[in-house]
Amino acid sequence: MARCGNVAKARARADGRGVRARDARYRWTILAVGVAAQAALSAVTMGLPALAPALRDAFGLSLSEVGLVLASVNWGTVVTSWRGALADRIGERTVIAAGLAGGALARSPTASAACSPRSR
């Protein structure tokens, strides 16, 4: 009887290896996507201030207005920082889909904005 139990355990371990390997690949994929997203956010938050003089000249903004534009990037990060907890609660795919839809809606007014430097 003990041998039958050992065989069953061995089969369960063999079947579990494939699942664990798939889970490991999924985890590495999620980690890679997270690292890429963090790198992109860091590039924007650290690189955008270097463009401040060009923004001032192109759009005729004051220092206060440029500061407000640059701070808006950080406000977006702060306002959306709750997404991780929400993803744990309702699922990653739902949160990602809602975030993409919300981002598209938030950016849609800029598609028709007439405040480009060439329109002046």
C-alpha atoms as a PDB file:
ATOM      1  CA  MET A   1       0.000   0.000   0.000  1.00  0.00           C
ATOM      2  CA  ALA A   2       2.823   2.367   0.756  1.00  0.00           C
ATOM      3  CA  ARG A   3       4.155   1.941  -2.756  1.00  0.00           C
ATOM      4  CA  CYS A   4       0.850   3.001  -4.308  1.00  0.00           C
ATOM      5  CA  GLY A   5       0.902   6.155  -2.243  1.00  0.00           C
ATOM      6  CA  ASN A   6       4.449   6.925  -3.350  1.00  0.00           C
ATOM      7  CA  VAL A   7       3.494   6.407  -7.006  1.00  0.00           C
ATOM      8  CA  ALA A   8       0.556   8.780  -6.623  1.00  0.00           C
ATOM      9  CA  LYS A   9       2.794  11.379  -4.988  1.00  0.00           C
ATOM     10  CA  ALA A  10       5.382  11.010  -7.754  1.00  0.00           C
ATOM     11  CA  ARG A  11       2.702  11.512 -10.414  1.00  0.00           C
ATOM     12  CA  ALA A  12       1.369  14.556  -8.614  1.00  0.00           C
ATOM     13  CA  ARG A  13       4.874  16.017  -8.464  1.00  0.00           C
ATOM     14  CA  ALA A  14       5.443  15.279 -12.159  1.00  0.00           C
ATOM     15  CA  ASP A  15       2.158  16.934 -13.110  1.00  0.00           C
ATOM     16  CA  GLY A  16       2.881  19.880 -10.840  1.00  0.00           C
ATOM     17  CA  ARG A  17       6.219  20.611 -12.501  1.00  0.00           C
ATOM     18  CA  GLY A  18       4.537  21.714 -15.696  1.00  0.00           C
ATOM     19  CA  VAL A  19       2.193  23.973 -13.784  1.00  0.00           C
ATOM     20  CA  ARG A  20       5.036  25.430 -11.752  1.00  0.00           C
ATOM     21  CA  ALA A  21       7.096  26.032 -14.890  1.00  0.00           C
ATOM     22  CA  ARG A  22       4.181  27.848 -16.518  1.00  0.00           C
ATOM     23  CA  ASP A  23       3.629  29.904 -13.360  1.00  0.00           C
ATOM     24  CA  ALA A  24       7.334  30.746 -13.253  1.00  0.00           C
ATOM     25  CA  ARG A  25       7.275  31.963 -16.870  1.00  0.00           C
ATOM     26  CA  TYR A  26       4.178  34.029 -16.124  1.00  0.00           C
ATOM     27  CA  ARG A  27       5.857  35.590 -13.092  1.00  0.00           C
ATOM     28  CA  TRP A  28       8.966  36.472 -15.091  1.00  0.00           C
ATOM     29  CA  THR A  29       6.800  37.984 -17.818  1.00  0.00           C
ATOM     30  CA  ILE A  30       4.903  40.103 -15.304  1.00  0.00           C
ATOM     31  CA  LEU A  31       8.197  41.154 -13.721  1.00  0.00           C
ATOM     32  CA  ALA A  32       9.611  42.164 -17.119  1.00  0.00           C
ATOM     33  CA  VAL A  33       6.507  44.183 -17.960  1.00  0.00           C
ATOM     34  CA  GLY A  34       6.638  45.881 -14.560  1.00  0.00           C
ATOM     35  CA  VAL A  35      10.310  46.749 -14.955  1.00  0.00           C
ATOM     36  CA  ALA A  36       9.652  48.173 -18.432  1.00  0.00           C
ATOM     37  CA  ALA A  37       6.739  50.244 -17.124  1.00  0.00           C
ATOM     38  CA  GLN A  38       8.818  51.556 -14.234  1.00  0.00           C
ATOM     39  CA  ALA A  39      11.681  52.431 -16.589  1.00  0.00           C
ATOM     40  CA  ALA A  40       9.298  54.313 -18.881  1.00  0.00           C
ATOM     41  CA  LEU A  41       7.783  56.223 -15.967  1.00  0.00           C
ATOM     42  CA  SER A  42      11.234  57.083 -14.655  1.00  0.00           C
ATOM     43  CA  ALA A  43      12.325  58.270 -18.087  1.00  0.00           C
ATOM     44  CA  VAL A  44       9.325  60.579 -18.265  1.00  0.00           C
ATOM     45  CA  THR A  45       9.583  61.965 -14.739  1.00  0.00           C
ATOM     46  CA  MET A  46      13.346  62.482 -14.964  1.00  0.00           C
ATOM     47  CA  GLY A  47      13.583  63.462 -18.618  1.00  0.00           C
ATOM     48  CA  LEU A  48      10.634  65.812 -18.922  1.00  0.00           C
ATOM     49  CA  PRO A  49      12.136  68.614 -16.788  1.00  0.00           C
ATOM     50  CA  ALA A  50      15.004  68.814 -19.265  1.00  0.00           C
ATOM     51  CA  LEU A  51      12.430  69.894 -21.841  1.00  0.00           C
ATOM     52  CA  ALA A  52      11.070  72.728 -19.675  1.00  0.00           C
ATOM     53  CA  PRO A  53      12.924  75.521 -21.526  1.00  0.00           C
ATOM     54  CA  ALA A  54      11.692  74.189 -24.867  1.00  0.00           C
ATOM     55  CA  LEU A  55       8.123  73.977 -23.494  1.00  0.00           C
ATOM     56  CA  ARG A  56       8.323  77.569 -22.304  1.00  0.00           C
ATOM     57  CA  ASP A  57       9.495  78.801 -25.692  1.00  0.00           C
ATOM     58  CA  ALA A  58       7.161  76.674 -27.805  1.00  0.00           C
ATOM     59  CA  PHE A  59       3.990  77.376 -25.846  1.00  0.00           C
ATOM     60  CA  GLY A  60       4.814  80.757 -24.302  1.00  0.00           C
ATOM     61  CA  LEU A  61       4.374  79.498 -20.749  1.00  0.00           C
ATOM     62  CA  SER A  62       5.510  81.120 -17.519  1.00  0.00           C
ATOM     63  CA  LEU A  63       7.634  79.265 -14.979  1.00  0.00           C
ATOM     64  CA  SER A  64       4.537  78.591 -12.860  1.00  0.00           C
ATOM     65  CA  GLU A  65       2.665  77.140 -15.802  1.00  0.00           C
ATOM     66  CA  VAL A  66       5.589  74.920 -16.771  1.00  0.00           C
ATOM     67  CA  GLY A  67       5.785  73.757 -13.146  1.00  0.00           C
ATOM     68  CA  LEU A  68       2.092  72.879 -13.232  1.00  0.00           C
ATOM     69  CA  VAL A  69       2.534  70.896 -16.457  1.00  0.00           C
ATOM     70  CA  LEU A  70       5.501  68.987 -15.024  1.00  0.00           C
ATOM     71  CA  ALA A  71       3.693  68.343 -11.722  1.00  0.00           C
ATOM     72  CA  SER A  72       0.710  66.873 -13.577  1.00  0.00           C
ATOM     73  CA  VAL A  73       2.823  63.839 -14.480  1.00  0.00           C
ATOM     74  CA  ASN A  74       3.381  63.143 -10.784  1.00  0.00           C
ATOM     75  CA  TRP A  75      -0.267  63.737  -9.929  1.00  0.00           C
ATOM     76  CA  GLY A  76      -1.267  61.053 -12.382  1.00  0.00           C
ATOM     77  CA  THR A  77       1.053  58.615 -10.645  1.00  0.00           C
ATOM     78  CA  VAL A  78      -0.287  59.492  -7.203  1.00  0.00           C
ATOM     79  CA  VAL A  79      -3.929  59.329  -8.228  1.00  0.00           C
ATOM     80  CA  THR A  80      -3.548  55.896  -9.834  1.00  0.00           C
ATOM     81  CA  SER A  81      -1.390  54.294  -7.141  1.00  0.00           C
ATOM     82  CA  TRP A  82      -4.323  52.209  -5.834  1.00  0.00           C
ATOM     83  CA  ARG A  83      -4.404  50.003  -8.954  1.00  0.00           C
ATOM     84  CA  GLY A  84      -2.270  47.259  -7.390  1.00  0.00           C
ATOM     85  CA  ALA A  85      -4.716  46.674  -4.561  1.00  0.00           C
ATOM     86  CA  LEU A  86      -7.591  46.740  -7.018  1.00  0.00           C
ATOM     87  CA  ALA A  87      -5.841  44.191  -9.240  1.00  0.00           C
ATOM     88  CA  ASP A  88      -5.503  41.869  -6.257  1.00  0.00           C
ATOM     89  CA  ARG A  89      -9.212  42.257  -5.576  1.00  0.00           C
ATOM     90  CA  ILE A  90     -10.851  42.009  -9.011  1.00  0.00           C
ATOM     91  CA  GLY A  91      -8.113  40.721 -11.332  1.00  0.00           C
ATOM     92  CA  GLU A  92      -5.235  42.058 -13.358  1.00  0.00           C
ATOM     93  CA  ARG A  93      -6.878  41.917 -16.762  1.00  0.00           C
ATOM     94  CA  THR A  94      -9.916  43.867 -15.623  1.00  0.00           C
ATOM     95  CA  VAL A  95      -7.776  46.585 -14.074  1.00  0.00           C
ATOM     96  CA  ILE A  96      -5.522  46.813 -17.133  1.00  0.00           C
ATOM     97  CA  ALA A  97      -8.512  47.041 -19.475  1.00  0.00           C
ATOM     98  CA  ALA A  98     -10.165  49.698 -17.302  1.00  0.00           C
ATOM     99  CA  GLY A  99      -6.906  51.645 -17.119  1.00  0.00           C
ATOM    100  CA  LEU A 100      -6.463  51.604 -20.884  1.00  0.00           C
ATOM    101  CA  ALA A 101     -10.058  52.697 -21.417  1.00  0.00           C
ATOM    102  CA  GLY A 102      -9.736  55.449 -18.814  1.00  0.00           C
ATOM    103  CA  GLY A 103      -6.483  56.652 -20.333  1.00  0.00           C
ATOM    104  CA  ALA A 104      -8.050  56.766 -23.779  1.00  0.00           C
ATOM    105  CA  LEU A 105     -11.006  58.755 -22.465  1.00  0.00           C
ATOM    106  CA  ALA A 106      -8.763  61.147 -20.559  1.00  0.00           C
ATOM    107  CA  ARG A 107      -6.595  61.786 -23.617  1.00  0.00           C
ATOM    108  CA  SER A 108      -9.402  62.076 -26.168  1.00  0.00           C
ATOM    109  CA  PRO A 109      -9.948  65.833 -25.659  1.00  0.00           C
ATOM    110  CA  THR A 110      -6.324  66.479 -26.578  1.00  0.00           C
ATOM    111  CA  ALA A 111      -6.913  65.022 -30.032  1.00  0.00           C
ATOM    112  CA  SER A 112      -8.986  68.050 -31.003  1.00  0.00           C
ATOM    113  CA  ALA A 113      -7.089  70.656 -28.993  1.00  0.00           C
ATOM    114  CA  ALA A 114      -5.995  73.662 -30.983  1.00  0.00           C
ATOM    115  CA  CYS A 115      -3.131  74.716 -28.744  1.00  0.00           C
ATOM    116  CA  SER A 116      -0.200  73.370 -30.721  1.00  0.00           C
ATOM    117  CA  PRO A 117       2.663  75.800 -31.458  1.00  0.00           C
ATOM    118  CA  ARG A 118       1.833  75.724 -35.180  1.00  0.00           C
ATOM    119  CA  SER A 119      -1.781  76.837 -34.650  1.00  0.00           C
ATOM    120  CA  ARG A 120      -0.770  80.224 -33.238  1.00  0.00           C
END
